[in-house]
Amino acid sequence: MKAKDLATEKLKALQVVMEIDNPQVLHDIAAVYGKTGVKRLSVEEYNDELEKSEKQGKKGHTITLDELKAKTEKWEKAKGLK
């Protein structure tokens, strides 16, 4: 990618970020790039978490997307995010 194209893409990304009103979303974006106090998982830790999740699913400990959305909305309201 040319320097000019990279600069243009950076500006577009900044414009998107500037339109975000939810502080949790901003925190999550920063966490993805290691810019918070949140520790990033190693590949091994990620794989361990994935295995645990798969085991929980096999035991029937699952949640539907609609249930997740409802819980998320309830949590956001409790935290004053919505």
N, C-alpha and C. Protein backbone atom coordinates (compact mmCIF):
# COMPACT_ATOMS: atom_id res chain seq x y z
N MET A 1 0.85 -1.18 0.00
CA MET A 1 0.00 0.00 0.00
C MET A 1 0.90 1.23 0.00
N LYS A 2 0.55 2.18 -0.82
CA LYS A 2 1.31 3.42 -0.90
C LYS A 2 1.06 4.27 0.34
N ALA A 3 2.03 5.11 0.67
CA ALA A 3 1.93 5.96 1.85
C ALA A 3 0.67 6.84 1.81
N LYS A 4 0.35 7.38 0.62
CA LYS A 4 -0.83 8.23 0.49
C LYS A 4 -2.10 7.42 0.76
N ASP A 5 -2.16 6.19 0.23
CA ASP A 5 -3.33 5.34 0.46
C ASP A 5 -3.45 4.96 1.93
N LEU A 6 -2.31 4.70 2.58
CA LEU A 6 -2.32 4.35 3.99
C LEU A 6 -2.82 5.53 4.82
N ALA A 7 -2.36 6.72 4.50
CA ALA A 7 -2.82 7.91 5.21
C ALA A 7 -4.32 8.11 5.05
N THR A 8 -4.82 7.87 3.85
CA THR A 8 -6.25 8.00 3.58
C THR A 8 -7.04 6.98 4.41
N GLU A 9 -6.56 5.75 4.46
CA GLU A 9 -7.24 4.70 5.23
C GLU A 9 -7.21 5.01 6.71
N LYS A 10 -6.10 5.57 7.21
CA LYS A 10 -6.03 5.95 8.62
C LYS A 10 -7.05 7.02 8.94
N LEU A 11 -7.19 8.01 8.06
CA LEU A 11 -8.16 9.07 8.28
C LEU A 11 -9.59 8.53 8.29
N LYS A 12 -9.87 7.59 7.39
CA LYS A 12 -11.20 6.97 7.36
C LYS A 12 -11.47 6.24 8.67
N ALA A 13 -10.47 5.51 9.16
CA ALA A 13 -10.62 4.77 10.41
C ALA A 13 -10.85 5.73 11.58
N LEU A 14 -10.11 6.81 11.61
CA LEU A 14 -10.28 7.81 12.67
C LEU A 14 -11.67 8.43 12.64
N GLN A 15 -12.20 8.67 11.45
CA GLN A 15 -13.55 9.22 11.34
C GLN A 15 -14.57 8.26 11.92
N VAL A 16 -14.40 6.98 11.66
CA VAL A 16 -15.31 5.98 12.21
C VAL A 16 -15.23 5.98 13.73
N VAL A 17 -14.01 5.98 14.26
CA VAL A 17 -13.82 5.96 15.71
C VAL A 17 -14.41 7.22 16.35
N MET A 18 -14.25 8.35 15.72
CA MET A 18 -14.76 9.60 16.28
C MET A 18 -16.29 9.62 16.38
N GLU A 19 -16.96 8.80 15.60
CA GLU A 19 -18.42 8.75 15.63
C GLU A 19 -18.96 7.79 16.70
N ILE A 20 -18.08 7.04 17.35
CA ILE A 20 -18.50 6.08 18.37
C ILE A 20 -18.83 6.82 19.66
N ASP A 21 -20.04 6.57 20.19
CA ASP A 21 -20.47 7.23 21.41
C ASP A 21 -20.42 6.31 22.63
N ASN A 22 -20.23 5.03 22.40
CA ASN A 22 -20.26 4.05 23.48
C ASN A 22 -18.84 3.85 24.03
N PRO A 23 -18.59 4.22 25.30
CA PRO A 23 -17.24 4.08 25.86
C PRO A 23 -16.75 2.64 25.90
N GLN A 24 -17.67 1.70 26.06
CA GLN A 24 -17.26 0.29 26.10
C GLN A 24 -16.72 -0.15 24.74
N VAL A 25 -17.32 0.32 23.68
CA VAL A 25 -16.83 -0.02 22.34
C VAL A 25 -15.43 0.53 22.15
N LEU A 26 -15.20 1.76 22.59
CA LEU A 26 -13.87 2.35 22.48
C LEU A 26 -12.85 1.56 23.30
N HIS A 27 -13.26 1.15 24.49
CA HIS A 27 -12.38 0.34 25.34
C HIS A 27 -12.05 -0.98 24.65
N ASP A 28 -13.05 -1.59 24.04
CA ASP A 28 -12.84 -2.87 23.36
C ASP A 28 -11.90 -2.72 22.17
N ILE A 29 -12.04 -1.65 21.44
CA ILE A 29 -11.14 -1.40 20.31
C ILE A 29 -9.70 -1.25 20.82
N ALA A 30 -9.54 -0.46 21.88
CA ALA A 30 -8.21 -0.27 22.45
C ALA A 30 -7.64 -1.60 22.96
N ALA A 31 -8.50 -2.43 23.54
CA ALA A 31 -8.04 -3.72 24.07
C ALA A 31 -7.53 -4.62 22.94
N VAL A 32 -8.20 -4.58 21.81
CA VAL A 32 -7.77 -5.40 20.67
C VAL A 32 -6.34 -5.05 20.27
N TYR A 33 -5.99 -3.78 20.38
CA TYR A 33 -4.67 -3.33 19.98
C TYR A 33 -3.70 -3.20 21.15
N GLY A 34 -4.07 -3.77 22.30
CA GLY A 34 -3.17 -3.79 23.44
C GLY A 34 -2.91 -2.43 24.06
N LYS A 35 -3.85 -1.51 23.95
CA LYS A 35 -3.65 -0.15 24.45
C LYS A 35 -4.38 0.11 25.77
N THR A 36 -4.71 -0.94 26.49
CA THR A 36 -5.34 -0.79 27.80
C THR A 36 -4.60 -1.69 28.77
N GLY A 37 -5.05 -1.70 29.99
CA GLY A 37 -4.45 -2.58 30.99
C GLY A 37 -4.88 -4.03 30.82
N VAL A 38 -5.70 -4.30 29.82
CA VAL A 38 -6.19 -5.65 29.59
C VAL A 38 -5.09 -6.50 28.98
N LYS A 39 -4.84 -7.67 29.60
CA LYS A 39 -3.81 -8.56 29.10
C LYS A 39 -4.33 -9.33 27.90
N ARG A 40 -3.54 -9.35 26.83
CA ARG A 40 -3.92 -10.11 25.65
C ARG A 40 -3.59 -11.57 25.88
N LEU A 41 -4.42 -12.45 25.34
CA LEU A 41 -4.21 -13.89 25.49
C LEU A 41 -3.14 -14.38 24.54
N SER A 42 -2.35 -15.32 25.03
CA SER A 42 -1.40 -15.98 24.14
C SER A 42 -2.19 -17.00 23.31
N VAL A 43 -1.58 -17.57 22.32
CA VAL A 43 -2.24 -18.58 21.49
C VAL A 43 -2.66 -19.76 22.36
N GLU A 44 -1.78 -20.16 23.27
CA GLU A 44 -2.09 -21.29 24.16
C GLU A 44 -3.29 -20.97 25.07
N GLU A 45 -3.31 -19.75 25.64
CA GLU A 45 -4.42 -19.36 26.49
C GLU A 45 -5.72 -19.30 25.70
N TYR A 46 -5.63 -18.78 24.48
CA TYR A 46 -6.81 -18.71 23.62
C TYR A 46 -7.34 -20.12 23.34
N ASN A 47 -6.44 -21.03 22.99
CA ASN A 47 -6.85 -22.40 22.70
C ASN A 47 -7.45 -23.07 23.92
N ASP A 48 -6.90 -22.81 25.11
CA ASP A 48 -7.46 -23.36 26.34
C ASP A 48 -8.89 -22.84 26.56
N GLU A 49 -9.08 -21.53 26.35
CA GLU A 49 -10.42 -20.96 26.50
C GLU A 49 -11.39 -21.57 25.50
N LEU A 50 -10.93 -21.79 24.29
CA LEU A 50 -11.75 -22.39 23.26
C LEU A 50 -12.15 -23.82 23.64
N GLU A 51 -11.21 -24.58 24.16
CA GLU A 51 -11.51 -25.95 24.60
C GLU A 51 -12.52 -25.96 25.73
N LYS A 52 -12.35 -25.06 26.70
CA LYS A 52 -13.31 -24.96 27.81
C LYS A 52 -14.70 -24.65 27.28
N SER A 53 -14.77 -23.73 26.34
CA SER A 53 -16.05 -23.35 25.76
C SER A 53 -16.71 -24.52 25.04
N GLU A 54 -15.91 -25.27 24.29
CA GLU A 54 -16.45 -26.44 23.58
C GLU A 54 -16.99 -27.47 24.56
N LYS A 55 -16.28 -27.68 25.67
CA LYS A 55 -16.73 -28.63 26.69
C LYS A 55 -18.05 -28.17 27.31
N GLN A 56 -18.16 -26.87 27.58
CA GLN A 56 -19.40 -26.34 28.14
C GLN A 56 -20.56 -26.55 27.17
N GLY A 57 -20.30 -26.34 25.88
CA GLY A 57 -21.33 -26.55 24.87
C GLY A 57 -21.80 -27.99 24.83
N LYS A 58 -20.86 -28.93 24.93
CA LYS A 58 -21.20 -30.35 24.91
C LYS A 58 -22.01 -30.74 26.14
N LYS A 59 -21.83 -30.02 27.24
CA LYS A 59 -22.59 -30.28 28.47
C LYS A 59 -23.96 -29.61 28.44
N GLY A 60 -24.23 -28.87 27.37
CA GLY A 60 -25.53 -28.21 27.26
C GLY A 60 -25.56 -26.81 27.81
N HIS A 61 -24.42 -26.29 28.22
CA HIS A 61 -24.35 -24.93 28.74
C HIS A 61 -24.21 -23.97 27.56
N THR A 62 -25.33 -23.67 26.94
CA THR A 62 -25.33 -22.81 25.75
C THR A 62 -26.33 -21.67 25.94
N ILE A 63 -26.27 -20.73 25.03
CA ILE A 63 -27.20 -19.61 25.05
C ILE A 63 -27.50 -19.25 23.58
N THR A 64 -28.74 -18.91 23.31
CA THR A 64 -29.10 -18.52 21.95
C THR A 64 -28.69 -17.07 21.72
N LEU A 65 -28.67 -16.68 20.47
CA LEU A 65 -28.33 -15.30 20.14
C LEU A 65 -29.35 -14.34 20.72
N ASP A 66 -30.61 -14.70 20.67
CA ASP A 66 -31.65 -13.83 21.23
C ASP A 66 -31.47 -13.67 22.74
N GLU A 67 -31.13 -14.77 23.43
CA GLU A 67 -30.89 -14.69 24.87
C GLU A 67 -29.68 -13.80 25.17
N LEU A 68 -28.65 -13.93 24.36
CA LEU A 68 -27.45 -13.11 24.54
C LEU A 68 -27.76 -11.64 24.32
N LYS A 69 -28.53 -11.34 23.29
CA LYS A 69 -28.91 -9.95 23.03
C LYS A 69 -29.69 -9.38 24.20
N ALA A 70 -30.63 -10.15 24.74
CA ALA A 70 -31.44 -9.68 25.86
C ALA A 70 -30.57 -9.43 27.09
N LYS A 71 -29.65 -10.35 27.37
CA LYS A 71 -28.75 -10.17 28.51
C LYS A 71 -27.84 -8.97 28.31
N THR A 72 -27.38 -8.77 27.09
CA THR A 72 -26.50 -7.64 26.79
C THR A 72 -27.25 -6.33 26.99
N GLU A 73 -28.46 -6.26 26.50
CA GLU A 73 -29.26 -5.04 26.67
C GLU A 73 -29.51 -4.75 28.14
N LYS A 74 -29.81 -5.79 28.91
CA LYS A 74 -30.05 -5.62 30.35
C LYS A 74 -28.77 -5.12 31.03
N TRP A 75 -27.63 -5.69 30.67
CA TRP A 75 -26.35 -5.29 31.25
C TRP A 75 -26.03 -3.84 30.88
N GLU A 76 -26.24 -3.48 29.60
CA GLU A 76 -25.95 -2.11 29.17
C GLU A 76 -26.82 -1.11 29.91
N LYS A 77 -28.09 -1.45 30.12
CA LYS A 77 -28.99 -0.54 30.87
C LYS A 77 -28.52 -0.40 32.31
N ALA A 78 -28.12 -1.52 32.92
CA ALA A 78 -27.66 -1.49 34.31
C ALA A 78 -26.39 -0.66 34.45
N LYS A 79 -25.54 -0.67 33.43
CA LYS A 79 -24.28 0.09 33.46
C LYS A 79 -24.45 1.52 32.96
N GLY A 80 -25.68 1.85 32.53
CA GLY A 80 -25.94 3.20 32.05
C GLY A 80 -25.36 3.47 30.66
N LEU A 81 -25.14 2.41 29.90
CA LEU A 81 -24.58 2.57 28.56
C LEU A 81 -25.65 2.77 27.51
N LYS A 82 -26.90 2.55 27.86
CA LYS A 82 -28.01 2.75 26.91
C LYS A 82 -29.10 3.53 27.57
